Amino acid sequence: MNPIRSRTLLILGFILVLLGAVIPWLIVLKIIPSTFFLNFFAYGASVAGLVLGIVGLAYYAHEHKGKGR
């Protein structure tokens, strides 16, 4: 696995989790209106970001296994 791919997954996961937290915050502050699609998108972004982050960490750990010894 390419090291750039694990970093890309981690960065994409972080952005999605951040987006999944910022959108509800903006809805609560009434900056953007609450719609079914936006609420569903925020939840989906948060879950997808969490999964991508875990997969990216697993790839990163597999790539660097045994290199610190």
N, C-alpha and C. Protein backbone atom coordinates (compact mmCIF):
# COMPACT_ATOMS: atom_id res chain seq x y z
N MET A 1 0.85 -1.18 0.00
CA MET A 1 0.00 0.00 0.00
C MET A 1 0.90 1.24 0.00
N ASN A 2 0.53 2.19 -0.77
CA ASN A 2 1.27 3.44 -0.91
C ASN A 2 1.07 4.32 0.33
N PRO A 3 2.15 4.89 0.90
CA PRO A 3 1.98 5.74 2.08
C PRO A 3 1.13 6.97 1.82
N ILE A 4 1.09 7.43 0.59
CA ILE A 4 0.27 8.60 0.29
C ILE A 4 -1.20 8.23 0.42
N ARG A 5 -1.56 7.00 0.11
CA ARG A 5 -2.95 6.59 0.20
C ARG A 5 -3.45 6.58 1.64
N SER A 6 -2.63 6.11 2.58
CA SER A 6 -3.07 6.10 3.97
C SER A 6 -3.23 7.52 4.49
N ARG A 7 -2.32 8.41 4.11
CA ARG A 7 -2.45 9.81 4.52
C ARG A 7 -3.68 10.45 3.89
N THR A 8 -3.94 10.11 2.64
CA THR A 8 -5.11 10.66 1.96
C THR A 8 -6.39 10.21 2.64
N LEU A 9 -6.45 8.95 3.04
CA LEU A 9 -7.63 8.45 3.75
C LEU A 9 -7.79 9.14 5.10
N LEU A 10 -6.70 9.35 5.80
CA LEU A 10 -6.77 10.04 7.09
C LEU A 10 -7.23 11.48 6.93
N ILE A 11 -6.71 12.17 5.95
CA ILE A 11 -7.10 13.57 5.73
C ILE A 11 -8.55 13.66 5.30
N LEU A 12 -8.96 12.79 4.39
CA LEU A 12 -10.35 12.79 3.95
C LEU A 12 -11.30 12.43 5.09
N GLY A 13 -10.92 11.47 5.91
CA GLY A 13 -11.73 11.11 7.07
C GLY A 13 -11.85 12.26 8.05
N PHE A 14 -10.74 12.98 8.29
CA PHE A 14 -10.78 14.11 9.19
C PHE A 14 -11.69 15.21 8.67
N ILE A 15 -11.61 15.48 7.37
CA ILE A 15 -12.45 16.53 6.77
C ILE A 15 -13.92 16.15 6.87
N LEU A 16 -14.24 14.89 6.62
CA LEU A 16 -15.63 14.46 6.70
C LEU A 16 -16.17 14.51 8.13
N VAL A 17 -15.37 14.09 9.10
CA VAL A 17 -15.81 14.17 10.50
C VAL A 17 -15.99 15.63 10.91
N LEU A 18 -15.08 16.48 10.48
CA LEU A 18 -15.20 17.90 10.79
C LEU A 18 -16.45 18.49 10.16
N LEU A 19 -16.73 18.12 8.92
CA LEU A 19 -17.94 18.57 8.24
C LEU A 19 -19.18 18.05 8.94
N GLY A 20 -19.14 16.82 9.41
CA GLY A 20 -20.26 16.25 10.15
C GLY A 20 -20.48 16.90 11.50
N ALA A 21 -19.51 17.62 12.01
CA ALA A 21 -19.69 18.35 13.27
C ALA A 21 -20.05 19.81 13.04
N VAL A 22 -19.53 20.39 11.98
CA VAL A 22 -19.77 21.82 11.71
C VAL A 22 -21.18 22.07 11.19
N ILE A 23 -21.68 21.19 10.34
CA ILE A 23 -23.02 21.40 9.78
C ILE A 23 -24.09 21.43 10.87
N PRO A 24 -24.15 20.46 11.80
CA PRO A 24 -25.15 20.57 12.86
C PRO A 24 -24.97 21.81 13.74
N TRP A 25 -23.72 22.21 13.95
CA TRP A 25 -23.46 23.40 14.74
C TRP A 25 -24.03 24.64 14.05
N LEU A 26 -23.85 24.72 12.74
CA LEU A 26 -24.42 25.84 11.99
C LEU A 26 -25.95 25.78 11.96
N ILE A 27 -26.51 24.59 11.98
CA ILE A 27 -27.97 24.45 12.03
C ILE A 27 -28.49 24.92 13.38
N VAL A 28 -27.82 24.55 14.46
CA VAL A 28 -28.25 24.96 15.79
C VAL A 28 -28.16 26.47 15.95
N LEU A 29 -27.14 27.09 15.37
CA LEU A 29 -27.00 28.54 15.44
C LEU A 29 -27.94 29.26 14.47
N LYS A 30 -28.71 28.49 13.70
CA LYS A 30 -29.67 29.01 12.72
C LYS A 30 -29.00 29.85 11.63
N ILE A 31 -27.78 29.48 11.28
CA ILE A 31 -27.08 30.13 10.17
C ILE A 31 -27.53 29.50 8.86
N ILE A 32 -27.73 28.18 8.88
CA ILE A 32 -28.28 27.50 7.70
C ILE A 32 -29.56 26.79 8.15
N PRO A 33 -30.54 26.65 7.26
CA PRO A 33 -31.80 26.02 7.65
C PRO A 33 -31.66 24.50 7.79
N SER A 34 -32.46 23.94 8.66
CA SER A 34 -32.44 22.51 8.89
C SER A 34 -33.36 21.83 7.88
N THR A 35 -32.76 20.98 7.06
CA THR A 35 -33.53 20.18 6.11
C THR A 35 -33.20 18.71 6.34
N PHE A 36 -34.09 17.85 5.85
CA PHE A 36 -33.86 16.42 6.00
C PHE A 36 -32.56 16.01 5.30
N PHE A 37 -32.36 16.51 4.09
CA PHE A 37 -31.16 16.15 3.33
C PHE A 37 -29.90 16.61 4.06
N LEU A 38 -29.90 17.82 4.58
CA LEU A 38 -28.71 18.35 5.25
C LEU A 38 -28.40 17.58 6.53
N ASN A 39 -29.43 17.24 7.29
CA ASN A 39 -29.22 16.44 8.50
C ASN A 39 -28.69 15.05 8.15
N PHE A 40 -29.27 14.44 7.13
CA PHE A 40 -28.82 13.12 6.70
C PHE A 40 -27.40 13.18 6.17
N PHE A 41 -27.07 14.22 5.41
CA PHE A 41 -25.72 14.40 4.88
C PHE A 41 -24.70 14.57 6.01
N ALA A 42 -25.04 15.35 7.03
CA ALA A 42 -24.12 15.57 8.15
C ALA A 42 -23.85 14.26 8.89
N TYR A 43 -24.90 13.48 9.10
CA TYR A 43 -24.72 12.19 9.77
C TYR A 43 -23.88 11.25 8.92
N GLY A 44 -24.19 11.18 7.63
CA GLY A 44 -23.44 10.31 6.73
C GLY A 44 -21.98 10.70 6.61
N ALA A 45 -21.71 12.01 6.59
CA ALA A 45 -20.32 12.49 6.51
C ALA A 45 -19.56 12.11 7.77
N SER A 46 -20.22 12.21 8.91
CA SER A 46 -19.56 11.87 10.16
C SER A 46 -19.23 10.38 10.23
N VAL A 47 -20.18 9.54 9.85
CA VAL A 47 -19.95 8.09 9.89
C VAL A 47 -18.90 7.68 8.85
N ALA A 48 -19.01 8.23 7.64
CA ALA A 48 -18.05 7.89 6.60
C ALA A 48 -16.64 8.36 6.98
N GLY A 49 -16.54 9.53 7.59
CA GLY A 49 -15.24 10.03 8.02
C GLY A 49 -14.63 9.17 9.11
N LEU A 50 -15.46 8.68 10.01
CA LEU A 50 -14.97 7.81 11.06
C LEU A 50 -14.44 6.50 10.47
N VAL A 51 -15.18 5.92 9.54
CA VAL A 51 -14.75 4.67 8.91
C VAL A 51 -13.47 4.88 8.10
N LEU A 52 -13.42 5.95 7.31
CA LEU A 52 -12.21 6.22 6.53
C LEU A 52 -11.00 6.48 7.42
N GLY A 53 -11.21 7.16 8.54
CA GLY A 53 -10.12 7.40 9.47
C GLY A 53 -9.58 6.12 10.08
N ILE A 54 -10.47 5.22 10.44
CA ILE A 54 -10.03 3.94 11.01
C ILE A 54 -9.30 3.11 9.97
N VAL A 55 -9.81 3.07 8.74
CA VAL A 55 -9.14 2.32 7.68
C VAL A 55 -7.78 2.95 7.37
N GLY A 56 -7.71 4.27 7.33
CA GLY A 56 -6.44 4.95 7.09
C GLY A 56 -5.42 4.67 8.18
N LEU A 57 -5.88 4.65 9.43
CA LEU A 57 -4.96 4.32 10.53
C LEU A 57 -4.48 2.87 10.43
N ALA A 58 -5.36 1.97 10.04
CA ALA A 58 -4.95 0.57 9.90
C ALA A 58 -3.90 0.43 8.79
N TYR A 59 -4.12 1.10 7.65
CA TYR A 59 -3.12 1.07 6.58
C TYR A 59 -1.80 1.68 7.03
N TYR A 60 -1.89 2.79 7.75
CA TYR A 60 -0.68 3.47 8.22
C TYR A 60 0.10 2.57 9.19
N ALA A 61 -0.62 1.92 10.10
CA ALA A 61 0.05 1.04 11.05
C ALA A 61 0.66 -0.16 10.35
N HIS A 62 -0.02 -0.68 9.34
CA HIS A 62 0.52 -1.82 8.60
C HIS A 62 1.78 -1.44 7.82
N GLU A 63 1.79 -0.24 7.26
CA GLU A 63 2.96 0.21 6.51
C GLU A 63 4.17 0.43 7.40
N HIS A 64 3.94 0.90 8.62
CA HIS A 64 5.05 1.25 9.50
C HIS A 64 5.32 0.19 10.57
N LYS A 65 4.79 -0.99 10.39
CA LYS A 65 4.98 -2.05 11.36
C LYS A 65 6.44 -2.49 11.36
N GLY A 66 7.07 -2.43 12.52
CA GLY A 66 8.44 -2.91 12.65
C GLY A 66 9.51 -1.92 12.24
N LYS A 67 9.15 -0.74 11.79
CA LYS A 67 10.16 0.23 11.33
C LYS A 67 10.79 1.00 12.49
N GLY A 68 10.17 1.01 13.67
CA GLY A 68 10.70 1.77 14.80
C GLY A 68 11.69 1.00 15.64
N ARG A 69 11.98 -0.21 15.27
CA ARG A 69 12.87 -1.04 16.11
C ARG A 69 14.31 -0.85 15.77
